[in-house]
């Protein structure tokens, strides 16, 4: 669903270095980021699986709606959850609030999947009928 680059784009490389390379503060430790992303995606999937918005493949990778493009709202909230996991026990008030907001949003989406999918289009009638739309006949004698 999300990548390390998504986290860098949203929160900056320096923050990810600080949160993942806890000894030297020099590089992003990919394994730490990968774990936070996997945990965040797992939490998101737990909300959205019941609404058939995500599935999990054989390798445990969360897939949104049969590989469709991830909605930006879902990506944002997944990133906020991953960031919360990266902070561990040292979260800031802002990080915790963003996490809480993400969970509340996911709960709403679970109850109303159209928040992500949009309204479901009406299916055409299966009766096989034909619609006739009358047209006015032009008056050839009118000026």
C-alpha atoms as a PDB file:
ATOM      1  CA  UNK A   1       0.000   0.000   0.000  1.00  0.00           C
ATOM      2  CA  UNK A   2       2.593   2.569   1.062  1.00  0.00           C
ATOM      3  CA  UNK A   3       6.350   2.725   0.657  1.00  0.00           C
ATOM      4  CA  UNK A   4       9.319   4.180   2.470  1.00  0.00           C
ATOM      5  CA  UNK A   5       9.300   6.974  -0.118  1.00  0.00           C
ATOM      6  CA  UNK A   6       5.721   7.851   0.870  1.00  0.00           C
ATOM      7  CA  UNK A   7       6.911   8.344   4.450  1.00  0.00           C
ATOM      8  CA  UNK A   8       9.885  10.438   3.309  1.00  0.00           C
ATOM      9  CA  UNK A   9       7.615  12.593   1.157  1.00  0.00           C
ATOM     10  CA  UNK A  10       5.235  13.240   4.050  1.00  0.00           C
ATOM     11  CA  UNK A  11       7.547  13.489   7.055  1.00  0.00           C
ATOM     12  CA  UNK A  12      11.043  14.098   5.710  1.00  0.00           C
ATOM     13  CA  UNK A  13      14.184  12.030   5.483  1.00  0.00           C
ATOM     14  CA  UNK A  14      15.675  13.524   8.669  1.00  0.00           C
ATOM     15  CA  UNK A  15      12.735  12.362  10.773  1.00  0.00           C
ATOM     16  CA  UNK A  16      12.963   8.825   9.388  1.00  0.00           C
ATOM     17  CA  UNK A  17      16.702   8.745  10.046  1.00  0.00           C
ATOM     18  CA  UNK A  18      16.107   9.891  13.630  1.00  0.00           C
ATOM     19  CA  UNK A  19      13.377   7.299  14.169  1.00  0.00           C
ATOM     20  CA  UNK A  20      15.144   4.329  12.568  1.00  0.00           C
ATOM     21  CA  UNK A  21      18.899   4.777  13.106  1.00  0.00           C
ATOM     22  CA  UNK A  22      18.699   5.159  16.852  1.00  0.00           C
ATOM     23  CA  UNK A  23      22.445   4.756  17.394  1.00  0.00           C
ATOM     24  CA  UNK A  24      24.178   6.815  14.710  1.00  0.00           C
ATOM     25  CA  UNK A  25      21.427   9.023  13.227  1.00  0.00           C
ATOM     26  CA  UNK A  26      22.987   8.773   9.758  1.00  0.00           C
ATOM     27  CA  UNK A  27      20.824   6.580   7.519  1.00  0.00           C
ATOM     28  CA  UNK A  28      17.293   5.262   7.271  1.00  0.00           C
ATOM     29  CA  UNK A  29      17.228   1.691   8.526  1.00  0.00           C
ATOM     30  CA  UNK A  30      14.958   0.010   5.992  1.00  0.00           C
ATOM     31  CA  UNK A  31      14.107  -2.979   8.163  1.00  0.00           C
ATOM     32  CA  UNK A  32      12.691  -0.679  10.857  1.00  0.00           C
ATOM     33  CA  UNK A  33      10.643   1.228   8.260  1.00  0.00           C
ATOM     34  CA  UNK A  34       9.447  -2.011   6.671  1.00  0.00           C
ATOM     35  CA  UNK A  35       8.242  -3.296  10.040  1.00  0.00           C
ATOM     36  CA  UNK A  36       6.339  -0.076  10.774  1.00  0.00           C
ATOM     37  CA  UNK A  37       4.762  -0.134   7.314  1.00  0.00           C
ATOM     38  CA  UNK A  38       3.759  -3.794   7.681  1.00  0.00           C
ATOM     39  CA  UNK A  39       2.228  -3.096  11.107  1.00  0.00           C
ATOM     40  CA  UNK A  40       0.349  -0.048   9.787  1.00  0.00           C
ATOM     41  CA  UNK A  41      -0.925  -1.910   6.729  1.00  0.00           C
ATOM     42  CA  UNK A  42      -2.030  -4.777   8.946  1.00  0.00           C
ATOM     43  CA  UNK A  43      -3.997  -2.415  11.142  1.00  0.00           C
ATOM     44  CA  UNK A  44      -5.575  -0.718   8.119  1.00  0.00           C
ATOM     45  CA  UNK A  45      -6.426  -4.099   6.608  1.00  0.00           C
ATOM     46  CA  UNK A  46      -8.156  -5.162   9.817  1.00  0.00           C
ATOM     47  CA  UNK A  47     -10.631  -2.308   9.313  1.00  0.00           C
ATOM     48  CA  UNK A  48     -11.052  -2.530   5.545  1.00  0.00           C
ATOM     49  CA  UNK A  49     -11.098  -6.299   4.955  1.00  0.00           C
ATOM     50  CA  UNK A  50     -14.668  -6.646   6.188  1.00  0.00           C
ATOM     51  CA  UNK A  51     -15.753  -3.987   3.662  1.00  0.00           C
ATOM     52  CA  UNK A  52     -13.950  -5.876   0.843  1.00  0.00           C
ATOM     53  CA  UNK A  53     -11.725  -2.872   0.176  1.00  0.00           C
ATOM     54  CA  UNK A  54      -8.449  -4.747   0.704  1.00  0.00           C
ATOM     55  CA  UNK A  55      -7.114  -8.257   0.465  1.00  0.00           C
ATOM     56  CA  UNK A  56      -3.920  -9.865   1.703  1.00  0.00           C
ATOM     57  CA  UNK A  57      -1.791 -11.915  -0.700  1.00  0.00           C
ATOM     58  CA  UNK A  58       0.091 -15.131   0.115  1.00  0.00           C
ATOM     59  CA  UNK A  59       3.137 -13.121   1.269  1.00  0.00           C
ATOM     60  CA  UNK A  60       1.081 -10.990   3.651  1.00  0.00           C
ATOM     61  CA  UNK A  61       1.149  -7.907   1.393  1.00  0.00           C
ATOM     62  CA  UNK A  62      -1.993  -5.778   1.666  1.00  0.00           C
ATOM     63  CA  UNK A  63      -3.548  -5.034  -1.710  1.00  0.00           C
ATOM     64  CA  UNK A  64      -6.139  -2.303  -2.145  1.00  0.00           C
ATOM     65  CA  UNK A  65      -9.190  -3.151  -4.284  1.00  0.00           C
ATOM     66  CA  UNK A  66      -7.655  -5.605  -6.715  1.00  0.00           C
ATOM     67  CA  UNK A  67      -4.569  -3.495  -7.314  1.00  0.00           C
ATOM     68  CA  UNK A  68      -6.390  -0.229  -8.036  1.00  0.00           C
ATOM     69  CA  UNK A  69      -4.656   3.075  -7.282  1.00  0.00           C
ATOM     70  CA  UNK A  70      -4.564   3.787  -3.573  1.00  0.00           C
ATOM     71  CA  UNK A  71      -6.792   6.757  -2.653  1.00  0.00           C
ATOM     72  CA  UNK A  72      -4.762   9.644  -1.238  1.00  0.00           C
ATOM     73  CA  UNK A  73      -6.851   9.729   1.977  1.00  0.00           C
ATOM     74  CA  UNK A  74      -6.081   6.076   2.647  1.00  0.00           C
ATOM     75  CA  UNK A  75      -2.380   6.587   1.906  1.00  0.00           C
ATOM     76  CA  UNK A  76      -2.257   9.585   4.265  1.00  0.00           C
ATOM     77  CA  UNK A  77      -3.862   7.720   7.151  1.00  0.00           C
ATOM     78  CA  UNK A  78      -1.726   4.626   6.570  1.00  0.00           C
ATOM     79  CA  UNK A  79       1.384   6.826   6.664  1.00  0.00           C
ATOM     80  CA  UNK A  80       0.217   8.441   9.908  1.00  0.00           C
ATOM     81  CA  UNK A  81      -0.236   5.015  11.486  1.00  0.00           C
ATOM     82  CA  UNK A  82       3.212   3.869  10.294  1.00  0.00           C
ATOM     83  CA  UNK A  83       4.740   7.043  11.722  1.00  0.00           C
ATOM     84  CA  UNK A  84       3.039   6.350  15.056  1.00  0.00           C
ATOM     85  CA  UNK A  85       4.612   2.888  15.112  1.00  0.00           C
ATOM     86  CA  UNK A  86       8.030   4.351  14.277  1.00  0.00           C
ATOM     87  CA  UNK A  87       7.809   6.656  17.295  1.00  0.00           C
ATOM     88  CA  UNK A  88       7.148   3.742  19.621  1.00  0.00           C
ATOM     89  CA  UNK A  89       6.792   4.871  23.234  1.00  0.00           C
ATOM     90  CA  UNK A  90       8.129   8.362  22.531  1.00  0.00           C
ATOM     91  CA  UNK A  91       5.240   9.749  20.503  1.00  0.00           C
ATOM     92  CA  UNK A  92       4.514  13.427  20.403  1.00  0.00           C
ATOM     93  CA  UNK A  93       1.050  14.871  20.915  1.00  0.00           C
ATOM     94  CA  UNK A  94       0.781  15.603  17.180  1.00  0.00           C
ATOM     95  CA  UNK A  95       1.772  12.078  16.149  1.00  0.00           C
ATOM     96  CA  UNK A  96      -0.664  10.550  18.626  1.00  0.00           C
ATOM     97  CA  UNK A  97      -3.503  12.824  17.480  1.00  0.00           C
ATOM     98  CA  UNK A  98      -2.863  11.931  13.835  1.00  0.00           C
ATOM     99  CA  UNK A  99      -2.914   8.239  14.754  1.00  0.00           C
ATOM    100  CA  UNK A 100      -6.187   8.624  16.677  1.00  0.00           C
ATOM    101  CA  UNK A 101      -7.717  10.564  13.768  1.00  0.00           C
ATOM    102  CA  UNK A 102      -6.622   7.838  11.339  1.00  0.00           C
ATOM    103  CA  UNK A 103      -8.243   5.115  13.438  1.00  0.00           C
ATOM    104  CA  UNK A 104     -11.474   7.100  13.731  1.00  0.00           C
ATOM    105  CA  UNK A 105     -11.460   7.676   9.976  1.00  0.00           C
ATOM    106  CA  UNK A 106     -10.894   3.974   9.282  1.00  0.00           C
ATOM    107  CA  UNK A 107     -13.788   3.093  11.551  1.00  0.00           C
ATOM    108  CA  UNK A 108     -16.025   5.437   9.535  1.00  0.00           C
ATOM    109  CA  UNK A 109     -14.809   3.914   6.247  1.00  0.00           C
ATOM    110  CA  UNK A 110     -15.509   0.440   7.599  1.00  0.00           C
ATOM    111  CA  UNK A 111     -19.112   1.489   8.232  1.00  0.00           C
ATOM    112  CA  UNK A 112     -19.417   3.419   4.944  1.00  0.00           C
ATOM    113  CA  UNK A 113     -17.047   2.057   2.259  1.00  0.00           C
ATOM    114  CA  UNK A 114     -18.344   4.607  -0.235  1.00  0.00           C
ATOM    115  CA  UNK A 115     -16.063   7.107   1.520  1.00  0.00           C
ATOM    116  CA  UNK A 116     -13.283   5.438  -0.498  1.00  0.00           C
ATOM    117  CA  UNK A 117     -15.113   3.994  -3.465  1.00  0.00           C
ATOM    118  CA  UNK A 118     -17.571   6.776  -4.170  1.00  0.00           C
ATOM    119  CA  UNK A 119     -21.260   6.089  -4.717  1.00  0.00           C
ATOM    120  CA  UNK A 120     -22.062   2.777  -6.313  1.00  0.00           C
ATOM    121  CA  UNK A 121     -23.380   3.309  -9.823  1.00  0.00           C
ATOM    122  CA  UNK A 122     -26.848   2.035 -10.480  1.00  0.00           C
ATOM    123  CA  UNK A 123     -26.933  -1.104 -12.573  1.00  0.00           C
ATOM    124  CA  UNK A 124     -28.889  -0.951 -15.833  1.00  0.00           C
ATOM    125  CA  UNK A 125     -32.251  -2.612 -15.813  1.00  0.00           C
ATOM    126  CA  UNK A 126     -32.129  -6.305 -16.611  1.00  0.00           C
ATOM    127  CA  UNK A 127     -35.569  -6.240 -18.239  1.00  0.00           C
ATOM    128  CA  UNK A 128     -34.115  -5.743 -21.700  1.00  0.00           C
ATOM    129  CA  UNK A 129     -36.668  -3.019 -22.467  1.00  0.00           C
ATOM    130  CA  UNK A 130     -36.141  -0.202 -24.928  1.00  0.00           C
ATOM    131  CA  UNK A 131     -36.495   3.435 -24.005  1.00  0.00           C
ATOM    132  CA  UNK A 132     -38.293   5.670 -26.487  1.00  0.00           C
ATOM    133  CA  UNK A 133     -37.599   9.374 -26.312  1.00  0.00           C
ATOM    134  CA  UNK A 134     -40.100  11.410 -28.320  1.00  0.00           C
ATOM    135  CA  UNK A 135     -38.783  14.224 -30.491  1.00  0.00           C
ATOM    136  CA  UNK A 136     -40.780  17.145 -31.746  1.00  0.00           C
ATOM    137  CA  UNK A 137     -41.484  17.236 -35.441  1.00  0.00           C
ATOM    138  CA  UNK A 138     -40.084  20.362 -37.080  1.00  0.00           C
ATOM    139  CA  UNK A 139     -42.672  22.741 -38.505  1.00  0.00           C
ATOM    140  CA  UNK A 140     -41.641  23.339 -42.114  1.00  0.00           C
ATOM    141  CA  UNK A 141     -44.220  26.115 -42.625  1.00  0.00           C
ATOM    142  CA  UNK A 142     -43.110  28.389 -39.814  1.00  0.00           C
ATOM    143  CA  UNK A 143     -41.045  31.518 -40.539  1.00  0.00           C
END
